[in-house]
Amino acid sequence: MFNWDDLRYFVAVAREGSMRAAAEMLGVSQSTVQRRLSALEHAIDCVLVERTVNGYTLTAQGRRLLLDAQQMAVAAGDFQRRVNALDDTAAGRVRVASLVTVGQRILKSGFVDRFHDRHPGIQIEMILSQRVVDLAGGEADIAIRGGAPASDALIAKRIANLPWGLFASKDYIGRHGQPAGPDDLCHHSVIALVDELEQLPATCWLRSKALGARVAARCGNIPSAHLAAASGAGIAMLPYIYAAADKNLVCVLGPIPELDYPMYLLVHKDMSRVRRVRTFFDYCARELRPVLLTGNMRTH
């Protein structure tokens, strides 16, 4: 008989396409993912995943079994989440997921420290990642992320609209000049946002305005785009408040109002009944907006 928990590792590898990415998603080491997947394959006497030059791919047997494994993983996640929801204590850990740039701003502002001062029995654990965590699957208790929620199982509160702008380094502007406006972007080098960032309004806007521009770099996350712009490679579309803090960058255009991106505070309905989770959710709903927009907190 196989260990049901090993199914999580199979599903994660299938979803992420690599052992490393699956390990990051699960918060474990790569060797743990490999060991648990091997244990599952040994228990069922079936090879589920094979390595290729481009990473890992499912075998024919793995593809046939994936849907069942996913359904079992969802059911197990639902069960674990409902078990967690039975704990109504006002103490313990609350896992909060956010993008790296947002999480850095929250931590630097003292926002979490102030909460700990008020509620010393509740420990906030920040999960900083570019990947969207699965709240229904129990990967985090609360998420702070952009875009409207896609599930009715989540409680969502819109907390801020983040402005975006175009930034370049002082060195780049010294060498190439500053674009006179959007129509001039085609004559410049740009930093393209790819992967999960491709559908952001700011990304689509830059793609439409910079037709014919040379793409100097393609970045799958904001910190990488920031570094590329700071190095002088080209002009990048970046969250305005985040990029404006870098004194070596110049905002060449923006903030652009139509590109404001809504940030939401999210919690699964089951977990919203847990007192410690609800306590931090309510605290964020009251206090987080000025942190995201200015980096400062209200004082009382």
C-alpha atoms as a PDB file:
ATOM      1  CA  MET A   1       0.000   0.000   0.000  1.00  0.00           C
ATOM      2  CA  PHE A   2       1.376   3.407  -0.935  1.00  0.00           C
ATOM      3  CA  ASN A   3       1.575   6.453   1.320  1.00  0.00           C
ATOM      4  CA  TRP A   4      -1.250   8.793   0.326  1.00  0.00           C
ATOM      5  CA  ASP A   5       0.888  11.807   1.186  1.00  0.00           C
ATOM      6  CA  ASP A   6       3.347  10.814  -1.568  1.00  0.00           C
ATOM      7  CA  LEU A   7       0.679  11.767  -4.111  1.00  0.00           C
ATOM      8  CA  ARG A   8       1.340  15.433  -3.311  1.00  0.00           C
ATOM      9  CA  TYR A   9       4.878  15.080  -4.617  1.00  0.00           C
ATOM     10  CA  PHE A  10       3.749  13.419  -7.831  1.00  0.00           C
ATOM     11  CA  VAL A  11       1.135  16.115  -8.453  1.00  0.00           C
ATOM     12  CA  ALA A  12       3.660  18.877  -7.695  1.00  0.00           C
ATOM     13  CA  VAL A  13       6.237  17.501 -10.152  1.00  0.00           C
ATOM     14  CA  ALA A  14       3.535  17.119 -12.806  1.00  0.00           C
ATOM     15  CA  ARG A  15       2.403  20.688 -12.259  1.00  0.00           C
ATOM     16  CA  GLU A  16       5.818  22.366 -12.046  1.00  0.00           C
ATOM     17  CA  GLY A  17       7.768  20.247 -14.544  1.00  0.00           C
ATOM     18  CA  SER A  18      10.889  19.976 -12.405  1.00  0.00           C
ATOM     19  CA  MET A  19      12.015  18.568  -9.073  1.00  0.00           C
ATOM     20  CA  ARG A  20      13.462  21.912  -8.019  1.00  0.00           C
ATOM     21  CA  ALA A  21      10.278  23.867  -8.712  1.00  0.00           C
ATOM     22  CA  ALA A  22       8.177  21.180  -7.031  1.00  0.00           C
ATOM     23  CA  ALA A  23      10.441  21.367  -3.971  1.00  0.00           C
ATOM     24  CA  GLU A  24      10.031  25.156  -3.813  1.00  0.00           C
ATOM     25  CA  MET A  25       6.262  24.807  -4.103  1.00  0.00           C
ATOM     26  CA  LEU A  26       6.117  22.266  -1.284  1.00  0.00           C
ATOM     27  CA  GLY A  27       8.700  23.953   0.905  1.00  0.00           C
ATOM     28  CA  VAL A  28      10.994  20.908   1.063  1.00  0.00           C
ATOM     29  CA  SER A  29      14.361  19.894  -0.378  1.00  0.00           C
ATOM     30  CA  GLN A  30      14.732  18.578  -3.910  1.00  0.00           C
ATOM     31  CA  SER A  31      16.056  15.293  -2.539  1.00  0.00           C
ATOM     32  CA  THR A  32      12.876  14.898  -0.483  1.00  0.00           C
ATOM     33  CA  VAL A  33      10.742  15.260  -3.619  1.00  0.00           C
ATOM     34  CA  GLN A  34      12.854  12.695  -5.451  1.00  0.00           C
ATOM     35  CA  ARG A  35      12.745  10.289  -2.506  1.00  0.00           C
ATOM     36  CA  ARG A  36       8.978  10.547  -2.000  1.00  0.00           C
ATOM     37  CA  LEU A  37       8.253  10.194  -5.711  1.00  0.00           C
ATOM     38  CA  SER A  38      10.524   7.138  -5.908  1.00  0.00           C
ATOM     39  CA  ALA A  39       8.740   5.637  -2.899  1.00  0.00           C
ATOM     40  CA  LEU A  40       5.374   6.097  -4.618  1.00  0.00           C
ATOM     41  CA  GLU A  41       6.608   4.538  -7.862  1.00  0.00           C
ATOM     42  CA  HIS A  42       8.102   1.601  -5.952  1.00  0.00           C
ATOM     43  CA  ALA A  43       4.894   1.056  -3.952  1.00  0.00           C
ATOM     44  CA  ILE A  44       2.676   0.929  -7.045  1.00  0.00           C
ATOM     45  CA  ASP A  45       5.345  -0.707  -9.239  1.00  0.00           C
ATOM     46  CA  CYS A  46       4.902   1.925 -11.939  1.00  0.00           C
ATOM     47  CA  VAL A  47       7.158   4.637 -13.382  1.00  0.00           C
ATOM     48  CA  LEU A  48       5.238   7.920 -13.326  1.00  0.00           C
ATOM     49  CA  VAL A  49       7.852  10.502 -14.306  1.00  0.00           C
ATOM     50  CA  GLU A  50      10.853  10.398 -16.613  1.00  0.00           C
ATOM     51  CA  ARG A  51      13.656  12.886 -17.118  1.00  0.00           C
ATOM     52  CA  THR A  52      14.149  14.612 -20.482  1.00  0.00           C
ATOM     53  CA  VAL A  53      16.509  17.284 -21.782  1.00  0.00           C
ATOM     54  CA  ASN A  54      13.853  19.898 -20.961  1.00  0.00           C
ATOM     55  CA  GLY A  55      13.135  18.726 -17.426  1.00  0.00           C
ATOM     56  CA  TYR A  56      10.691  16.094 -16.254  1.00  0.00           C
ATOM     57  CA  THR A  57       7.677  14.745 -18.093  1.00  0.00           C
ATOM     58  CA  LEU A  58       4.981  12.232 -17.256  1.00  0.00           C
ATOM     59  CA  THR A  59       5.095   8.736 -18.658  1.00  0.00           C
ATOM     60  CA  ALA A  60       2.009   7.311 -20.342  1.00  0.00           C
ATOM     61  CA  GLN A  61       1.126   5.628 -17.016  1.00  0.00           C
ATOM     62  CA  GLY A  62       1.693   8.896 -15.169  1.00  0.00           C
ATOM     63  CA  ARG A  63      -0.666  10.772 -17.491  1.00  0.00           C
ATOM     64  CA  ARG A  64      -3.391   8.164 -16.990  1.00  0.00           C
ATOM     65  CA  LEU A  65      -3.081   8.322 -13.209  1.00  0.00           C
ATOM     66  CA  LEU A  66      -2.617  12.087 -12.815  1.00  0.00           C
ATOM     67  CA  LEU A  67      -6.302  13.070 -12.700  1.00  0.00           C
ATOM     68  CA  ASP A  68      -7.040  10.515  -9.973  1.00  0.00           C
ATOM     69  CA  ALA A  69      -3.984  11.678  -8.033  1.00  0.00           C
ATOM     70  CA  GLN A  70      -5.068  15.302  -8.347  1.00  0.00           C
ATOM     71  CA  GLN A  71      -8.567  14.505  -7.110  1.00  0.00           C
ATOM     72  CA  MET A  72      -7.170  12.594  -4.138  1.00  0.00           C
ATOM     73  CA  ALA A  73      -4.766  15.439  -3.352  1.00  0.00           C
ATOM     74  CA  VAL A  74      -7.631  17.946  -3.443  1.00  0.00           C
ATOM     75  CA  ALA A  75      -9.750  15.769  -1.170  1.00  0.00           C
ATOM     76  CA  ALA A  76      -6.857  15.373   1.254  1.00  0.00           C
ATOM     77  CA  GLY A  77      -6.266  19.124   1.198  1.00  0.00           C
ATOM     78  CA  ASP A  78      -9.942  19.783   1.880  1.00  0.00           C
ATOM     79  CA  PHE A  79      -9.870  17.369   4.802  1.00  0.00           C
ATOM     80  CA  GLN A  80      -6.702  18.900   6.269  1.00  0.00           C
ATOM     81  CA  ARG A  81      -8.031  22.435   5.865  1.00  0.00           C
ATOM     82  CA  ARG A  82     -11.271  21.537   7.649  1.00  0.00           C
ATOM     83  CA  VAL A  83      -9.310  19.861  10.415  1.00  0.00           C
ATOM     84  CA  ASN A  84      -7.251  23.042  10.772  1.00  0.00           C
ATOM     85  CA  ALA A  85     -10.454  25.088  10.882  1.00  0.00           C
ATOM     86  CA  LEU A  86     -11.529  23.182  14.010  1.00  0.00           C
ATOM     87  CA  ASP A  87      -8.682  24.865  15.908  1.00  0.00           C
ATOM     88  CA  ASP A  88     -10.240  28.078  17.177  1.00  0.00           C
ATOM     89  CA  THR A  89      -7.403  29.162  19.439  1.00  0.00           C
ATOM     90  CA  ALA A  90      -6.051  32.698  19.285  1.00  0.00           C
ATOM     91  CA  ALA A  91      -2.464  31.438  19.209  1.00  0.00           C
ATOM     92  CA  GLY A  92      -0.266  29.594  16.714  1.00  0.00           C
ATOM     93  CA  ARG A  93       1.139  30.043  13.231  1.00  0.00           C
ATOM     94  CA  VAL A  94      -0.459  31.895  10.309  1.00  0.00           C
ATOM     95  CA  ARG A  95       1.180  31.403   6.902  1.00  0.00           C
ATOM     96  CA  VAL A  96       0.891  34.446   4.629  1.00  0.00           C
ATOM     97  CA  ALA A  97       1.861  34.217   0.957  1.00  0.00           C
ATOM     98  CA  SER A  98       2.796  37.188  -1.202  1.00  0.00           C
ATOM     99  CA  LEU A  99       4.931  38.152  -4.162  1.00  0.00           C
ATOM    100  CA  VAL A 100       8.558  38.831  -3.314  1.00  0.00           C
ATOM    101  CA  THR A 101       8.374  42.597  -3.829  1.00  0.00           C
ATOM    102  CA  VAL A 102       5.200  42.937  -1.761  1.00  0.00           C
ATOM    103  CA  GLY A 103       6.531  40.705   1.009  1.00  0.00           C
ATOM    104  CA  GLN A 104       9.782  42.656   1.207  1.00  0.00           C
ATOM    105  CA  ARG A 105       7.871  45.897   1.618  1.00  0.00           C
ATOM    106  CA  ILE A 106       5.671  44.389   4.335  1.00  0.00           C
ATOM    107  CA  LEU A 107       8.636  43.024   6.292  1.00  0.00           C
ATOM    108  CA  LYS A 108      10.740  46.195   5.992  1.00  0.00           C
ATOM    109  CA  SER A 109       7.867  48.389   7.160  1.00  0.00           C
ATOM    110  CA  GLY A 110       7.626  46.726  10.571  1.00  0.00           C
ATOM    111  CA  PHE A 111       4.045  45.725   9.805  1.00  0.00           C
ATOM    112  CA  VAL A 112       4.477  42.152  11.069  1.00  0.00           C
ATOM    113  CA  ASP A 113       6.471  43.252  14.133  1.00  0.00           C
ATOM    114  CA  ARG A 114       3.681  45.618  15.153  1.00  0.00           C
ATOM    115  CA  PHE A 115       1.152  42.798  14.846  1.00  0.00           C
ATOM    116  CA  HIS A 116       3.329  40.542  17.018  1.00  0.00           C
ATOM    117  CA  ASP A 117       3.449  43.291  19.648  1.00  0.00           C
ATOM    118  CA  ARG A 118      -0.348  43.319  19.774  1.00  0.00           C
ATOM    119  CA  HIS A 119      -0.811  39.550  19.469  1.00  0.00           C
ATOM    120  CA  PRO A 120       2.308  37.851  20.865  1.00  0.00           C
ATOM    121  CA  GLY A 121       0.678  34.418  20.729  1.00  0.00           C
ATOM    122  CA  ILE A 122       0.244  34.502  16.944  1.00  0.00           C
ATOM    123  CA  GLN A 123       3.299  33.849  14.788  1.00  0.00           C
ATOM    124  CA  ILE A 124       3.199  35.214  11.237  1.00  0.00           C
ATOM    125  CA  GLU A 125       5.224  33.253   8.685  1.00  0.00           C
ATOM    126  CA  MET A 126       5.695  35.057   5.372  1.00  0.00           C
ATOM    127  CA  ILE A 127       5.955  32.937   2.214  1.00  0.00           C
ATOM    128  CA  LEU A 128       7.616  35.018  -0.510  1.00  0.00           C
ATOM    129  CA  SER A 129       7.308  33.541  -3.984  1.00  0.00           C
ATOM    130  CA  GLN A 130       6.498  34.493  -7.554  1.00  0.00           C
ATOM    131  CA  ARG A 131       4.140  31.520  -7.756  1.00  0.00           C
ATOM    132  CA  VAL A 132       0.436  31.797  -6.905  1.00  0.00           C
ATOM    133  CA  VAL A 133      -0.146  29.549  -3.904  1.00  0.00           C
ATOM    134  CA  ASP A 134      -3.164  27.257  -3.619  1.00  0.00           C
ATOM    135  CA  LEU A 135      -5.189  28.369  -0.601  1.00  0.00           C
ATOM    136  CA  ALA A 136      -7.720  25.565  -1.107  1.00  0.00           C
ATOM    137  CA  GLY A 137      -4.853  23.070  -1.082  1.00  0.00           C
ATOM    138  CA  GLY A 138      -3.550  24.431   2.207  1.00  0.00           C
ATOM    139  CA  GLU A 139      -0.302  25.899   0.856  1.00  0.00           C
ATOM    140  CA  ALA A 140      -0.959  29.073   2.884  1.00  0.00           C
ATOM    141  CA  ASP A 141      -3.635  30.485   5.185  1.00  0.00           C
ATOM    142  CA  ILE A 142      -3.786  33.994   3.692  1.00  0.00           C
ATOM    143  CA  ALA A 143      -2.581  35.391   0.370  1.00  0.00           C
ATOM    144  CA  ILE A 144      -1.817  38.938  -0.703  1.00  0.00           C
ATOM    145  CA  ARG A 145      -1.792  39.091  -4.486  1.00  0.00           C
ATOM    146  CA  GLY A 146      -2.952  40.956  -7.521  1.00  0.00           C
ATOM    147  CA  GLY A 147      -5.973  40.294  -9.691  1.00  0.00           C
ATOM    148  CA  ALA A 148      -9.495  39.346  -8.777  1.00  0.00           C
ATOM    149  CA  PRO A 149      -9.978  35.900  -7.178  1.00  0.00           C
ATOM    150  CA  ALA A 150     -11.238  33.148  -9.457  1.00  0.00           C
ATOM    151  CA  SER A 151     -12.893  30.983  -6.795  1.00  0.00           C
ATOM    152  CA  ASP A 152     -16.103  31.490  -4.845  1.00  0.00           C
ATOM    153  CA  ALA A 153     -14.503  29.507  -2.013  1.00  0.00           C
ATOM    154  CA  LEU A 154     -12.283  32.496  -1.216  1.00  0.00           C
ATOM    155  CA  ILE A 155     -13.091  35.623   0.761  1.00  0.00           C
ATOM    156  CA  ALA A 156     -11.452  38.602  -0.935  1.00  0.00           C
ATOM    157  CA  LYS A 157     -10.931  42.185   0.130  1.00  0.00           C
ATOM    158  CA  ARG A 158      -9.485  44.723  -2.270  1.00  0.00           C
ATOM    159  CA  ILE A 159      -6.882  46.674  -0.337  1.00  0.00           C
ATOM    160  CA  ALA A 160      -5.020  48.858  -2.844  1.00  0.00           C
ATOM    161  CA  ASN A 161      -4.458  49.715  -6.477  1.00  0.00           C
ATOM    162  CA  LEU A 162      -0.741  49.580  -7.234  1.00  0.00           C
ATOM    163  CA  PRO A 163       0.505  52.111  -9.809  1.00  0.00           C
ATOM    164  CA  TRP A 164       2.995  51.147 -12.533  1.00  0.00           C
ATOM    165  CA  GLY A 165       5.486  53.138 -14.552  1.00  0.00           C
ATOM    166  CA  LEU A 166       8.365  52.840 -17.010  1.00  0.00           C
ATOM    167  CA  PHE A 167      11.845  53.010 -15.479  1.00  0.00           C
ATOM    168  CA  ALA A 168      15.381  53.114 -16.795  1.00  0.00           C
ATOM    169  CA  SER A 169      18.772  53.589 -15.183  1.00  0.00           C
ATOM    170  CA  LYS A 170      20.548  56.933 -15.236  1.00  0.00           C
ATOM    171  CA  ASP A 171      23.284  55.240 -17.241  1.00  0.00           C
ATOM    172  CA  TYR A 172      20.837  54.045 -19.893  1.00  0.00           C
ATOM    173  CA  ILE A 173      19.311  57.511 -20.237  1.00  0.00           C
ATOM    174  CA  GLY A 174      22.775  59.032 -20.472  1.00  0.00           C
ATOM    175  CA  ARG A 175      23.605  56.719 -23.364  1.00  0.00           C
ATOM    176  CA  HIS A 176      20.280  56.585 -25.207  1.00  0.00           C
ATOM    177  CA  GLY A 177      18.247  59.541 -24.009  1.00  0.00           C
ATOM    178  CA  GLN A 178      14.765  59.506 -22.511  1.00  0.00           C
ATOM    179  CA  PRO A 179      11.742  58.551 -24.628  1.00  0.00           C
ATOM    180  CA  ALA A 180       9.578  61.560 -25.425  1.00  0.00           C
ATOM    181  CA  GLY A 181       6.431  59.484 -24.960  1.00  0.00           C
ATOM    182  CA  PRO A 182       4.893  56.071 -25.624  1.00  0.00           C
ATOM    183  CA  ASP A 183       5.318  56.444 -29.383  1.00  0.00           C
ATOM    184  CA  ASP A 184       9.084  56.774 -28.918  1.00  0.00           C
ATOM    185  CA  LEU A 185       9.486  53.403 -27.151  1.00  0.00           C
ATOM    186  CA  CYS A 186       9.985  51.536 -30.421  1.00  0.00           C
ATOM    187  CA  HIS A 187      13.386  53.244 -30.709  1.00  0.00           C
ATOM    188  CA  HIS A 188      14.578  51.945 -27.335  1.00  0.00           C
ATOM    189  CA  SER A 189      15.550  48.669 -25.685  1.00  0.00           C
ATOM    190  CA  VAL A 190      12.958  47.203 -23.338  1.00  0.00           C
ATOM    191  CA  ILE A 191      12.788  44.566 -20.620  1.00  0.00           C
ATOM    192  CA  ALA A 192       9.953  42.110 -21.347  1.00  0.00           C
ATOM    193  CA  LEU A 193       7.927  40.487 -18.566  1.00  0.00           C
ATOM    194  CA  VAL A 194       7.091  36.852 -19.337  1.00  0.00           C
ATOM    195  CA  ASP A 195       5.497  33.716 -17.869  1.00  0.00           C
ATOM    196  CA  GLU A 196       2.872  34.536 -15.213  1.00  0.00           C
ATOM    197  CA  LEU A 197       3.459  38.281 -15.734  1.00  0.00           C
ATOM    198  CA  GLU A 198       2.601  38.271 -19.433  1.00  0.00           C
ATOM    199  CA  GLN A 199      -1.098  39.014 -18.921  1.00  0.00           C
ATOM    200  CA  LEU A 200      -0.664  41.928 -16.527  1.00  0.00           C
ATOM    201  CA  PRO A 201      -2.234  45.151 -17.870  1.00  0.00           C
ATOM    202  CA  ALA A 202       1.172  46.853 -17.647  1.00  0.00           C
ATOM    203  CA  THR A 203       2.840  44.086 -19.659  1.00  0.00           C
ATOM    204  CA  CYS A 204       0.171  44.166 -22.362  1.00  0.00           C
ATOM    205  CA  TRP A 205       0.404  47.965 -22.552  1.00  0.00           C
ATOM    206  CA  LEU A 206       4.182  47.935 -23.029  1.00  0.00           C
ATOM    207  CA  ARG A 207       3.939  45.172 -25.617  1.00  0.00           C
ATOM    208  CA  SER A 208       1.429  47.233 -27.628  1.00  0.00           C
ATOM    209  CA  LYS A 209       3.410  50.488 -27.381  1.00  0.00           C
ATOM    210  CA  ALA A 210       6.899  49.118 -27.973  1.00  0.00           C
ATOM    211  CA  LEU A 211       6.312  47.317 -31.256  1.00  0.00           C
ATOM    212  CA  GLY A 212       9.641  46.960 -32.995  1.00  0.00           C
ATOM    213  CA  ALA A 213      11.672  47.749 -29.893  1.00  0.00           C
ATOM    214  CA  ARG A 214      14.701  45.587 -29.163  1.00  0.00           C
ATOM    215  CA  VAL A 215      14.051  43.191 -26.281  1.00  0.00           C
ATOM    216  CA  ALA A 216      17.155  43.355 -24.111  1.00  0.00           C
ATOM    217  CA  ALA A 217      15.991  40.775 -21.558  1.00  0.00           C
ATOM    218  CA  ARG A 218      13.013  38.597 -20.717  1.00  0.00           C
ATOM    219  CA  CYS A 219      12.225  38.304 -17.006  1.00  0.00           C
ATOM    220  CA  GLY A 220       9.740  36.067 -15.231  1.00  0.00           C
ATOM    221  CA  ASN A 221       9.613  38.120 -12.035  1.00  0.00           C
ATOM    222  CA  ILE A 222       9.789  41.748 -10.946  1.00  0.00           C
ATOM    223  CA  PRO A 223      13.115  41.593  -9.042  1.00  0.00           C
ATOM    224  CA  SER A 224      14.847  40.258 -12.161  1.00  0.00           C
ATOM    225  CA  ALA A 225      13.308  43.002 -14.323  1.00  0.00           C
ATOM    226  CA  HIS A 226      14.425  45.562 -11.751  1.00  0.00           C
ATOM    227  CA  LEU A 227      17.996  44.261 -11.850  1.00  0.00           C
ATOM    228  CA  ALA A 228      17.998  44.259 -15.660  1.00  0.00           C
ATOM    229  CA  ALA A 229      16.819  47.870 -15.755  1.00  0.00           C
ATOM    230  CA  ALA A 230      19.285  48.917 -13.039  1.00  0.00           C
ATOM    231  CA  SER A 231      22.121  47.365 -15.042  1.00  0.00           C
ATOM    232  CA  GLY A 232      21.341  49.700 -17.938  1.00  0.00           C
ATOM    233  CA  ALA A 233      20.000  47.002 -20.255  1.00  0.00           C
ATOM    234  CA  GLY A 234      16.811  48.842 -21.153  1.00  0.00           C
ATOM    235  CA  ILE A 235      13.485  50.302 -20.062  1.00  0.00           C
ATOM    236  CA  ALA A 236      11.294  48.193 -17.788  1.00  0.00           C
ATOM    237  CA  MET A 237       7.680  48.366 -16.690  1.00  0.00           C
ATOM    238  CA  LEU A 238       7.778  48.144 -12.878  1.00  0.00           C
ATOM    239  CA  PRO A 239       5.491  48.759  -9.878  1.00  0.00           C
ATOM    240  CA  TYR A 240       5.926  52.490  -9.331  1.00  0.00           C
ATOM    241  CA  ILE A 241       6.436  52.618  -5.563  1.00  0.00           C
ATOM    242  CA  TYR A 242       8.822  49.674  -5.588  1.00  0.00           C
ATOM    243  CA  ALA A 243      10.999  51.046  -8.408  1.00  0.00           C
ATOM    244  CA  ALA A 244      10.909  54.675  -7.255  1.00  0.00           C
ATOM    245  CA  ALA A 245      12.786  53.645  -4.100  1.00  0.00           C
ATOM    246  CA  ASP A 246      15.862  52.920  -6.239  1.00  0.00           C
ATOM    247  CA  LYS A 247      17.725  56.219  -6.595  1.00  0.00           C
ATOM    248  CA  ASN A 248      19.623  54.890  -9.617  1.00  0.00           C
ATOM    249  CA  LEU A 249      16.414  54.492 -11.597  1.00  0.00           C
ATOM    250  CA  VAL A 250      14.515  57.259 -13.352  1.00  0.00           C
ATOM    251  CA  CYS A 251      10.797  57.100 -14.074  1.00  0.00           C
ATOM    252  CA  VAL A 252      10.655  57.904 -17.780  1.00  0.00           C
ATOM    253  CA  LEU A 253       6.862  57.619 -17.939  1.00  0.00           C
ATOM    254  CA  GLY A 254       4.247  57.232 -15.236  1.00  0.00           C
ATOM    255  CA  PRO A 255       2.610  56.402 -13.064  1.00  0.00           C
ATOM    256  CA  ILE A 256       0.074  55.459 -15.736  1.00  0.00           C
ATOM    257  CA  PRO A 257      -3.431  55.496 -14.159  1.00  0.00           C
ATOM    258  CA  GLU A 258      -5.045  52.973 -16.505  1.00  0.00           C
ATOM    259  CA  LEU A 259      -2.416  50.403 -15.499  1.00  0.00           C
ATOM    260  CA  ASP A 260      -3.169  50.482 -11.765  1.00  0.00           C
ATOM    261  CA  TYR A 261      -3.260  46.877 -10.570  1.00  0.00           C
ATOM    262  CA  PRO A 262      -5.675  45.815  -7.806  1.00  0.00           C
ATOM    263  CA  MET A 263      -4.186  43.978  -4.826  1.00  0.00           C
ATOM    264  CA  TYR A 264      -6.394  41.612  -2.854  1.00  0.00           C
ATOM    265  CA  LEU A 265      -6.280  40.055   0.576  1.00  0.00           C
ATOM    266  CA  LEU A 266      -7.531  36.461   0.279  1.00  0.00           C
ATOM    267  CA  VAL A 267      -8.512  33.700   2.692  1.00  0.00           C
ATOM    268  CA  HIS A 268     -10.404  30.454   2.211  1.00  0.00           C
ATOM    269  CA  LYS A 269     -13.870  30.515   3.796  1.00  0.00           C
ATOM    270  CA  ASP A 270     -13.014  27.524   5.997  1.00  0.00           C
ATOM    271  CA  MET A 271      -9.854  29.154   7.342  1.00  0.00           C
ATOM    272  CA  SER A 272     -11.588  32.486   7.916  1.00  0.00           C
ATOM    273  CA  ARG A 273     -13.319  30.807  10.863  1.00  0.00           C
ATOM    274  CA  VAL A 274      -9.991  30.183  12.609  1.00  0.00           C
ATOM    275  CA  ARG A 275      -9.571  32.970  15.133  1.00  0.00           C
ATOM    276  CA  ARG A 276      -5.830  33.553  14.676  1.00  0.00           C
ATOM    277  CA  VAL A 277      -6.213  33.637  10.875  1.00  0.00           C
ATOM    278  CA  ARG A 278      -9.181  35.984  11.050  1.00  0.00           C
ATOM    279  CA  THR A 279      -7.283  38.228  13.486  1.00  0.00           C
ATOM    280  CA  PHE A 280      -4.434  38.777  11.041  1.00  0.00           C
ATOM    281  CA  PHE A 281      -6.797  39.052   8.053  1.00  0.00           C
ATOM    282  CA  ASP A 282      -8.740  41.837   9.815  1.00  0.00           C
ATOM    283  CA  TYR A 283      -5.504  43.551  10.833  1.00  0.00           C
ATOM    284  CA  CYS A 284      -4.338  43.541   7.200  1.00  0.00           C
ATOM    285  CA  ALA A 285      -7.708  44.829   6.033  1.00  0.00           C
ATOM    286  CA  ARG A 286      -7.346  47.817   8.380  1.00  0.00           C
ATOM    287  CA  GLU A 287      -3.631  48.537   8.211  1.00  0.00           C
ATOM    288  CA  LEU A 288      -2.016  47.160   5.043  1.00  0.00           C
ATOM    289  CA  ARG A 289      -3.025  49.726   2.420  1.00  0.00           C
ATOM    290  CA  PRO A 290      -0.567  52.480   3.465  1.00  0.00           C
ATOM    291  CA  VAL A 291       2.259  49.922   3.650  1.00  0.00           C
ATOM    292  CA  LEU A 292       1.689  48.892   0.034  1.00  0.00           C
ATOM    293  CA  LEU A 293       1.283  52.435  -1.245  1.00  0.00           C
ATOM    294  CA  THR A 294       3.909  54.313   0.771  1.00  0.00           C
ATOM    295  CA  GLY A 295       5.918  51.782   2.771  1.00  0.00           C
ATOM    296  CA  ASN A 296       4.726  53.405   5.987  1.00  0.00           C
ATOM    297  CA  MET A 297       2.241  52.360   8.629  1.00  0.00           C
ATOM    298  CA  ARG A 298      -0.365  54.295  10.520  1.00  0.00           C
ATOM    299  CA  THR A 299       0.481  54.782  14.145  1.00  0.00           C
ATOM    300  CA  HIS A 300      -2.041  54.893  16.931  1.00  0.00           C
END
